[in-house]
PDB file of N, CA and C in Angstrom:
ATOM      1  N   MET A   1     120.288   4.209 130.545  1.00  0.00           N
ATOM      2  CA  MET A   1     120.687   3.407 131.797  1.00  0.00           C
ATOM      3  C   MET A   1     119.830   2.440 132.488  1.00  0.00           C
ATOM      4  N   PHE A   2     118.341   2.714 132.200  1.00  0.00           N
ATOM      5  CA  PHE A   2     117.222   1.968 133.159  1.00  0.00           C
ATOM      6  C   PHE A   2     116.914   1.343 132.201  1.00  0.00           C
ATOM      7  N   ASP A   3     117.182   0.852 130.741  1.00  0.00           N
ATOM      8  CA  ASP A   3     116.531   0.454 129.896  1.00  0.00           C
ATOM      9  C   ASP A   3     116.648  -1.162 129.876  1.00  0.00           C
ATOM     10  N   ASN A   4     117.761  -1.634 130.003  1.00  0.00           N
ATOM     11  CA  ASN A   4     117.755  -3.313 130.304  1.00  0.00           C
ATOM     12  C   ASN A   4     117.884  -3.652 131.632  1.00  0.00           C
ATOM     13  N   LEU A   5     117.710  -2.677 132.579  1.00  0.00           N
ATOM     14  CA  LEU A   5     117.533  -3.100 133.853  1.00  0.00           C
ATOM     15  C   LEU A   5     117.162  -4.500 134.454  1.00  0.00           C
ATOM     16  N   ARG A   6     115.898  -4.381 133.824  1.00  0.00           N
ATOM     17  CA  ARG A   6     114.867  -5.747 134.313  1.00  0.00           C
ATOM     18  C   ARG A   6     115.270  -6.765 133.629  1.00  0.00           C
ATOM     19  N   GLN A   7     116.134  -6.728 132.356  1.00  0.00           N
ATOM     20  CA  GLN A   7     116.820  -8.169 131.898  1.00  0.00           C
ATOM     21  C   GLN A   7     117.966  -8.337 132.699  1.00  0.00           C
ATOM     22  N   LYS A   8     118.901  -7.545 132.932  1.00  0.00           N
ATOM     23  CA  LYS A   8     120.012  -7.761 133.765  1.00  0.00           C
ATOM     24  C   LYS A   8     119.842  -8.467 134.762  1.00  0.00           C
ATOM     25  N   SER A   9     118.900  -7.914 135.743  1.00  0.00           N
ATOM     26  CA  SER A   9     118.460  -8.463 136.988  1.00  0.00           C
ATOM     27  C   SER A   9     117.797  -9.963 136.662  1.00  0.00           C
ATOM     28  N   ALA A  10     117.074 -10.243 135.948  1.00  0.00           N
ATOM     29  CA  ALA A  10     116.454 -11.426 135.346  1.00  0.00           C
ATOM     30  C   ALA A  10     117.848 -12.432 135.203  1.00  0.00           C
ATOM     31  N   ASP A  11     118.643 -12.150 134.490  1.00  0.00           N
ATOM     32  CA  ASP A  11     119.804 -12.781 134.107  1.00  0.00           C
ATOM     33  C   ASP A  11     120.656 -13.184 135.158  1.00  0.00           C
ATOM     34  N   GLU A  12     120.966 -12.335 136.039  1.00  0.00           N
ATOM     35  CA  GLU A  12     121.793 -12.466 137.369  1.00  0.00           C
ATOM     36  C   GLU A  12     121.182 -13.275 138.403  1.00  0.00           C
ATOM     37  N   ALA A  13     119.743 -13.014 138.450  1.00  0.00           N
ATOM     38  CA  ALA A  13     119.214 -13.946 139.454  1.00  0.00           C
ATOM     39  C   ALA A  13     118.863 -15.330 139.661  1.00  0.00           C
ATOM     40  N   GLY A  14     119.724 -16.055 140.188  1.00  0.00           N
ATOM     41  CA  GLY A  14     119.895 -17.808 140.108  1.00  0.00           C
ATOM     42  C   GLY A  14     118.438 -18.269 140.408  1.00  0.00           C
ATOM     43  N   PHE A  15     117.929 -17.510 141.201  1.00  0.00           N
ATOM     44  CA  PHE A  15     116.476 -18.108 142.149  1.00  0.00           C
ATOM     45  C   PHE A  15     115.303 -17.808 141.362  1.00  0.00           C
ATOM     46  N   LEU A  16     115.350 -17.035 140.311  1.00  0.00           N
ATOM     47  CA  LEU A  16     114.220 -16.771 139.308  1.00  0.00           C
ATOM     48  C   LEU A  16     114.066 -18.007 138.389  1.00  0.00           C
ATOM     49  N   THR A  17     114.915 -18.916 138.049  1.00  0.00           N
ATOM     50  CA  THR A  17     115.039 -19.822 137.174  1.00  0.00           C
ATOM     51  C   THR A  17     113.622 -21.017 137.264  1.00  0.00           C
ATOM     52  N   ASP A  18     113.572 -21.437 136.190  1.00  0.00           N
ATOM     53  CA  ASP A  18     112.348 -22.266 136.473  1.00  0.00           C
ATOM     54  C   ASP A  18     113.022 -23.881 136.101  1.00  0.00           C
ATOM     55  N   ASP A  19     114.000 -24.146 136.188  1.00  0.00           N
ATOM     56  CA  ASP A  19     114.721 -25.336 135.818  1.00  0.00           C
ATOM     57  C   ASP A  19     113.992 -26.569 136.463  1.00  0.00           C
ATOM     58  N   LYS A  20     113.734 -26.265 137.845  1.00  0.00           N
ATOM     59  CA  LYS A  20     113.215 -27.362 138.597  1.00  0.00           C
ATOM     60  C   LYS A  20     111.754 -27.625 138.494  1.00  0.00           C
ATOM     61  N   ALA A  21     111.374 -28.633 138.492  1.00  0.00           N
ATOM     62  CA  ALA A  21     109.847 -28.951 138.312  1.00  0.00           C
ATOM     63  C   ALA A  21     109.229 -28.821 139.598  1.00  0.00           C
ATOM     64  N   ALA A  22     108.049 -28.122 139.686  1.00  0.00           N
ATOM     65  CA  ALA A  22     107.367 -27.897 140.803  1.00  0.00           C
ATOM     66  C   ALA A  22     106.761 -29.074 141.431  1.00  0.00           C
ATOM     67  N   PRO A  23     107.022 -29.146 142.676  1.00  0.00           N
ATOM     68  CA  PRO A  23     106.451 -30.161 143.248  1.00  0.00           C
ATOM     69  C   PRO A  23     105.042 -30.435 143.154  1.00  0.00           C
ATOM     70  N   PRO A  24     104.595 -31.994 143.199  1.00  0.00           N
ATOM     71  CA  PRO A  24     102.911 -32.137 142.935  1.00  0.00           C
ATOM     72  C   PRO A  24     102.167 -31.555 143.757  1.00  0.00           C
ATOM     73  N   SER A  25     101.187 -30.931 143.827  1.00  0.00           N
ATOM     74  CA  SER A  25     100.556 -30.320 144.681  1.00  0.00           C
ATOM     75  C   SER A  25      99.219 -31.216 144.975  1.00  0.00           C
ATOM     76  N   LYS A  26      98.601 -31.056 146.419  1.00  0.00           N
ATOM     77  CA  LYS A  26      97.656 -31.668 146.757  1.00  0.00           C
ATOM     78  C   LYS A  26      96.376 -31.219 146.176  1.00  0.00           C
ATOM     79  N   PRO A  27      95.559 -32.339 145.724  1.00  0.00           N
ATOM     80  CA  PRO A  27      94.114 -31.849 145.284  1.00  0.00           C
ATOM     81  C   PRO A  27      93.574 -30.976 146.165  1.00  0.00           C
ATOM     82  N   PRO A  28      92.689 -29.967 145.682  1.00  0.00           N
ATOM     83  CA  PRO A  28      91.627 -28.950 146.452  1.00  0.00           C
ATOM     84  C   PRO A  28      90.667 -29.934 147.272  1.00  0.00           C
ATOM     85  N   LYS A  29      90.646 -29.437 148.589  1.00  0.00           N
ATOM     86  CA  LYS A  29      89.477 -29.985 149.355  1.00  0.00           C
ATOM     87  C   LYS A  29      88.138 -29.375 148.645  1.00  0.00           C
ATOM     88  N   PRO A  30      86.994 -30.489 148.633  1.00  0.00           N
ATOM     89  CA  PRO A  30      85.876 -29.835 148.196  1.00  0.00           C
ATOM     90  C   PRO A  30      85.457 -28.768 149.407  1.00  0.00           C
ATOM     91  N   PRO A  31      84.743 -27.911 148.893  1.00  0.00           N
ATOM     92  CA  PRO A  31      84.093 -26.598 149.678  1.00  0.00           C
ATOM     93  C   PRO A  31      82.968 -27.558 150.856  1.00  0.00           C
ATOM     94  N   ARG A  32      83.080 -26.915 151.984  1.00  0.00           N
ATOM     95  CA  ARG A  32      82.259 -27.373 153.132  1.00  0.00           C
ATOM     96  C   ARG A  32      81.066 -26.587 152.792  1.00  0.00           C
ATOM     97  N   PRO A  33      79.913 -27.406 153.067  1.00  0.00           N
ATOM     98  CA  PRO A  33      78.573 -27.139 152.844  1.00  0.00           C
ATOM     99  C   PRO A  33      78.184 -25.669 154.122  1.00  0.00           C
ATOM    100  N   PRO A  34      77.611 -24.798 153.906  1.00  0.00           N
ATOM    101  CA  PRO A  34      77.380 -23.985 154.937  1.00  0.00           C
ATOM    102  C   PRO A  34      76.415 -24.337 156.046  1.00  0.00           C
ATOM    103  N   LYS A  35      77.050 -23.858 157.111  1.00  0.00           N
ATOM    104  CA  LYS A  35      76.452 -24.204 158.340  1.00  0.00           C
ATOM    105  C   LYS A  35      74.998 -23.503 158.589  1.00  0.00           C
ATOM    106  N   ALA A  36      74.391 -24.238 159.249  1.00  0.00           N
ATOM    107  CA  ALA A  36      72.874 -23.449 159.604  1.00  0.00           C
ATOM    108  C   ALA A  36      73.050 -22.459 160.518  1.00  0.00           C
ATOM    109  N   PRO A  37      72.244 -21.321 160.609  1.00  0.00           N
ATOM    110  CA  PRO A  37      72.570 -20.144 161.443  1.00  0.00           C
ATOM    111  C   PRO A  37      72.011 -20.511 162.600  1.00  0.00           C
ATOM    112  N   LYS A  38      72.646 -20.004 163.597  1.00  0.00           N
ATOM    113  CA  LYS A  38      72.356 -20.113 164.857  1.00  0.00           C
ATOM    114  C   LYS A  38      71.277 -19.189 165.462  1.00  0.00           C
ATOM    115  N   ALA A  39      70.647 -19.548 166.485  1.00  0.00           N
ATOM    116  CA  ALA A  39      69.482 -18.583 167.230  1.00  0.00           C
ATOM    117  C   ALA A  39      70.545 -17.178 167.413  1.00  0.00           C
ATOM    118  N   ALA A  40      69.694 -15.936 167.049  1.00  0.00           N
ATOM    119  CA  ALA A  40      70.612 -15.013 167.412  1.00  0.00           C
ATOM    120  C   ALA A  40      70.366 -14.664 169.155  1.00  0.00           C
ATOM    121  N   ARG A  41      71.826 -14.409 169.564  1.00  0.00           N
ATOM    122  CA  ARG A  41      71.854 -14.281 171.086  1.00  0.00           C
ATOM    123  C   ARG A  41      72.017 -13.095 171.270  1.00  0.00           C
ATOM    124  N   PRO A  42      71.689 -12.423 172.228  1.00  0.00           N
ATOM    125  CA  PRO A  42      71.985 -10.911 172.635  1.00  0.00           C
ATOM    126  C   PRO A  42      73.495 -10.710 172.882  1.00  0.00           C
ATOM    127  N   GLN A  43      73.971  -9.567 172.630  1.00  0.00           N
ATOM    128  CA  GLN A  43      75.421  -9.652 172.745  1.00  0.00           C
ATOM    129  C   GLN A  43      75.555  -8.921 174.201  1.00  0.00           C
ATOM    130  N   ARG A  44      76.843  -9.754 174.586  1.00  0.00           N
ATOM    131  CA  ARG A  44      77.103  -9.422 176.092  1.00  0.00           C
ATOM    132  C   ARG A  44      78.071  -8.132 175.934  1.00  0.00           C
ATOM    133  N   SER A  45      77.687  -7.079 176.938  1.00  0.00           N
ATOM    134  CA  SER A  45      78.549  -6.117 177.331  1.00  0.00           C
ATOM    135  C   SER A  45      79.550  -6.239 178.118  1.00  0.00           C
ATOM    136  N   GLY A  46      80.507  -6.903 177.766  1.00  0.00           N
ATOM    137  CA  GLY A  46      81.661  -7.214 178.537  1.00  0.00           C
ATOM    138  C   GLY A  46      82.843  -6.118 178.882  1.00  0.00           C
ATOM    139  N   GLY A  47      82.298  -5.113 178.350  1.00  0.00           N
ATOM    140  CA  GLY A  47      83.391  -3.903 178.233  1.00  0.00           C
ATOM    141  C   GLY A  47      84.258  -4.030 177.101  1.00  0.00           C
ATOM    142  N   GLY A  48      84.033  -5.298 176.265  1.00  0.00           N
ATOM    143  CA  GLY A  48      85.132  -5.137 174.971  1.00  0.00           C
ATOM    144  C   GLY A  48      86.781  -5.528 175.382  1.00  0.00           C
ATOM    145  N   VAL A  49      87.747  -5.350 174.460  1.00  0.00           N
ATOM    146  CA  VAL A  49      88.686  -5.394 174.363  1.00  0.00           C
ATOM    147  C   VAL A  49      89.409  -6.534 175.089  1.00  0.00           C
ATOM    148  N   GLY A  50      88.615  -7.473 175.663  1.00  0.00           N
ATOM    149  CA  GLY A  50      89.321  -8.693 176.154  1.00  0.00           C
ATOM    150  C   GLY A  50      90.003  -8.906 177.514  1.00  0.00           C
ATOM    151  N   ILE A  51      89.687  -7.880 178.330  1.00  0.00           N
ATOM    152  CA  ILE A  51      90.375  -7.573 179.472  1.00  0.00           C
ATOM    153  C   ILE A  51      89.570  -8.079 180.957  1.00  0.00           C
ATOM    154  N   SER A  52      90.077  -8.711 181.854  1.00  0.00           N
ATOM    155  CA  SER A  52      89.394  -9.042 182.922  1.00  0.00           C
ATOM    156  C   SER A  52      88.826  -7.901 183.800  1.00  0.00           C
ATOM    157  N   PRO A  53      87.955  -8.107 184.626  1.00  0.00           N
ATOM    158  CA  PRO A  53      87.167  -7.151 185.348  1.00  0.00           C
ATOM    159  C   PRO A  53      88.327  -6.529 186.293  1.00  0.00           C
ATOM    160  N   GLY A  54      89.244  -7.163 186.815  1.00  0.00           N
ATOM    161  CA  GLY A  54      90.170  -6.661 187.620  1.00  0.00           C
ATOM    162  C   GLY A  54      91.242  -5.197 186.916  1.00  0.00           C
ATOM    163  N   GLN A  55      91.363  -6.075 185.615  1.00  0.00           N
ATOM    164  CA  GLN A  55      92.173  -5.098 184.628  1.00  0.00           C
ATOM    165  C   GLN A  55      91.074  -3.468 184.363  1.00  0.00           C
ATOM    166  N   ARG A  56      89.935  -3.849 184.479  1.00  0.00           N
ATOM    167  CA  ARG A  56      89.182  -2.699 183.825  1.00  0.00           C
ATOM    168  C   ARG A  56      88.899  -1.856 185.210  1.00  0.00           C
ATOM    169  N   PHE A  57      89.126  -2.387 186.414  1.00  0.00           N
ATOM    170  CA  PHE A  57      88.981  -1.605 187.633  1.00  0.00           C
ATOM    171  C   PHE A  57      90.261  -0.752 187.766  1.00  0.00           C
ATOM    172  N   LEU A  58      91.404  -1.255 187.438  1.00  0.00           N
ATOM    173  CA  LEU A  58      92.456  -0.589 187.548  1.00  0.00           C
ATOM    174  C   LEU A  58      92.750   0.357 186.563  1.00  0.00           C
ATOM    175  N   LEU A  59      92.285   0.232 185.178  1.00  0.00           N
ATOM    176  CA  LEU A  59      92.235   1.177 184.447  1.00  0.00           C
ATOM    177  C   LEU A  59      91.210   2.165 184.748  1.00  0.00           C
ATOM    178  N   ALA A  60      89.780   2.158 185.239  1.00  0.00           N
ATOM    179  CA  ALA A  60      89.276   3.063 185.586  1.00  0.00           C
ATOM    180  C   ALA A  60      89.906   3.904 187.010  1.00  0.00           C
ATOM    181  N   LEU A  61      90.345   3.027 187.773  1.00  0.00           N
ATOM    182  CA  LEU A  61      91.146   3.851 188.994  1.00  0.00           C
ATOM    183  C   LEU A  61      92.192   4.874 188.443  1.00  0.00           C
ATOM    184  N   MET A  62      93.005   4.346 187.710  1.00  0.00           N
ATOM    185  CA  MET A  62      93.969   5.069 187.090  1.00  0.00           C
ATOM    186  C   MET A  62      93.792   6.366 186.281  1.00  0.00           C
ATOM    187  N   LEU A  63      92.370   6.341 185.363  1.00  0.00           N
ATOM    188  CA  LEU A  63      91.834   7.429 184.789  1.00  0.00           C
ATOM    189  C   LEU A  63      91.263   8.363 185.778  1.00  0.00           C
ATOM    190  N   PHE A  64      90.590   7.997 186.782  1.00  0.00           N
ATOM    191  CA  PHE A  64      90.183   8.685 187.902  1.00  0.00           C
ATOM    192  C   PHE A  64      91.384   9.734 188.512  1.00  0.00           C
ATOM    193  N   ILE A  65      92.103   8.723 189.220  1.00  0.00           N
ATOM    194  CA  ILE A  65      93.415   9.740 189.648  1.00  0.00           C
ATOM    195  C   ILE A  65      94.040  10.654 188.654  1.00  0.00           C
ATOM    196  N   ASN A  66      93.975  10.528 187.441  1.00  0.00           N
ATOM    197  CA  ASN A  66      94.735  11.115 186.485  1.00  0.00           C
ATOM    198  C   ASN A  66      93.960  12.327 186.364  1.00  0.00           C
ATOM    199  N   VAL A  67      92.654  12.238 186.218  1.00  0.00           N
ATOM    200  CA  VAL A  67      91.389  13.434 186.046  1.00  0.00           C
ATOM    201  C   VAL A  67      91.837  14.422 187.355  1.00  0.00           C
ATOM    202  N   THR A  68      91.640  13.511 188.462  1.00  0.00           N
ATOM    203  CA  THR A  68      91.608  14.565 189.597  1.00  0.00           C
ATOM    204  C   THR A  68      92.995  15.100 189.572  1.00  0.00           C
ATOM    205  N   VAL A  69      94.207  14.816 189.540  1.00  0.00           N
ATOM    206  CA  VAL A  69      95.341  15.378 189.644  1.00  0.00           C
ATOM    207  C   VAL A  69      95.455  16.435 188.406  1.00  0.00           C
ATOM    208  N   LEU A  70      95.162  16.252 187.302  1.00  0.00           N
ATOM    209  CA  LEU A  70      95.273  17.293 186.318  1.00  0.00           C
ATOM    210  C   LEU A  70      94.300  18.360 186.496  1.00  0.00           C
ATOM    211  N   GLY A  71      93.006  18.002 187.218  1.00  0.00           N
ATOM    212  CA  GLY A  71      92.018  19.253 187.701  1.00  0.00           C
ATOM    213  C   GLY A  71      92.428  19.819 188.862  1.00  0.00           C
ATOM    214  N   CYS A  72      92.994  19.312 189.598  1.00  0.00           N
ATOM    215  CA  CYS A  72      93.696  20.312 190.945  1.00  0.00           C
ATOM    216  C   CYS A  72      94.859  20.929 190.364  1.00  0.00           C
ATOM    217  N   PHE A  73      95.917  20.601 189.579  1.00  0.00           N
ATOM    218  CA  PHE A  73      96.783  21.381 188.735  1.00  0.00           C
ATOM    219  C   PHE A  73      96.313  22.564 187.891  1.00  0.00           C
ATOM    220  N   ALA A  74      94.968  22.088 187.228  1.00  0.00           N
ATOM    221  CA  ALA A  74      94.500  23.131 186.414  1.00  0.00           C
ATOM    222  C   ALA A  74      93.812  24.320 187.212  1.00  0.00           C
ATOM    223  N   LEU A  75      93.089  24.081 188.750  1.00  0.00           N
ATOM    224  CA  LEU A  75      92.619  25.033 189.428  1.00  0.00           C
ATOM    225  C   LEU A  75      93.696  26.051 189.914  1.00  0.00           C
ATOM    226  N   LEU A  76      94.896  25.364 190.232  1.00  0.00           N
ATOM    227  CA  LEU A  76      96.073  26.014 190.543  1.00  0.00           C
ATOM    228  C   LEU A  76      96.395  27.059 189.736  1.00  0.00           C
ATOM    229  N   VAL A  77      96.766  26.736 188.481  1.00  0.00           N
ATOM    230  CA  VAL A  77      97.242  27.347 187.525  1.00  0.00           C
ATOM    231  C   VAL A  77      96.341  28.561 187.094  1.00  0.00           C
ATOM    232  N   PHE A  78      95.078  28.281 187.146  1.00  0.00           N
ATOM    233  CA  PHE A  78      94.038  29.654 186.806  1.00  0.00           C
ATOM    234  C   PHE A  78      93.934  30.190 188.155  1.00  0.00           C
ATOM    235  N   GLU A  79      94.227  29.786 189.145  1.00  0.00           N
ATOM    236  CA  GLU A  79      94.199  30.620 190.662  1.00  0.00           C
ATOM    237  C   GLU A  79      92.998  30.674 191.382  1.00  0.00           C
ATOM    238  N   LYS A  80      92.281  29.442 190.782  1.00  0.00           N
ATOM    239  CA  LYS A  80      90.776  29.499 191.583  1.00  0.00           C
ATOM    240  C   LYS A  80      90.953  29.152 193.010  1.00  0.00           C
ATOM    241  N   ILE A  81      92.114  28.447 193.084  1.00  0.00           N
ATOM    242  CA  ILE A  81      92.235  27.913 194.690  1.00  0.00           C
ATOM    243  C   ILE A  81      93.853  28.259 194.972  1.00  0.00           C
ATOM    244  N   ALA A  82      94.324  28.330 196.067  1.00  0.00           N
ATOM    245  CA  ALA A  82      95.406  28.597 196.597  1.00  0.00           C
ATOM    246  C   ALA A  82      95.857  27.420 197.749  1.00  0.00           C
ATOM    247  N   LEU A  83      97.206  27.411 197.405  1.00  0.00           N
ATOM    248  CA  LEU A  83      97.614  26.411 198.550  1.00  0.00           C
ATOM    249  C   LEU A  83      97.868  26.969 199.845  1.00  0.00           C
ATOM    250  N   PRO A  84      97.816  26.702 200.910  1.00  0.00           N
ATOM    251  CA  PRO A  84      97.923  27.369 202.128  1.00  0.00           C
ATOM    252  C   PRO A  84      99.155  27.766 202.548  1.00  0.00           C
ATOM    253  N   PHE A  85     100.254  27.003 202.120  1.00  0.00           N
ATOM    254  CA  PHE A  85     101.562  27.220 202.265  1.00  0.00           C
ATOM    255  C   PHE A  85     102.576  28.160 201.633  1.00  0.00           C
ATOM    256  N   PHE A  86     101.696  28.801 200.629  1.00  0.00           N
ATOM    257  CA  PHE A  86     102.432  29.835 199.599  1.00  0.00           C
ATOM    258  C   PHE A  86     102.034  31.148 199.726  1.00  0.00           C
TER     259      PHE A  86
END
């Protein structure tokens, strides 16, 4: 069944024929000489990820609120605190 599958597909595929001549290619560019190494600069610790300081603040604020809400919820679940109206 699969013996001549490759041959059949090659015969039926019209886009695989090499009848047309390939367009002339451009000559390759000569390699550029290596650049001189720059003086080593200390890396800035800008927080990475490419976000602005305002966005970093917003993420930190959201993380803080998330941790406090989940912490209060855990204290309620483990009955370490009780709400006054229950």
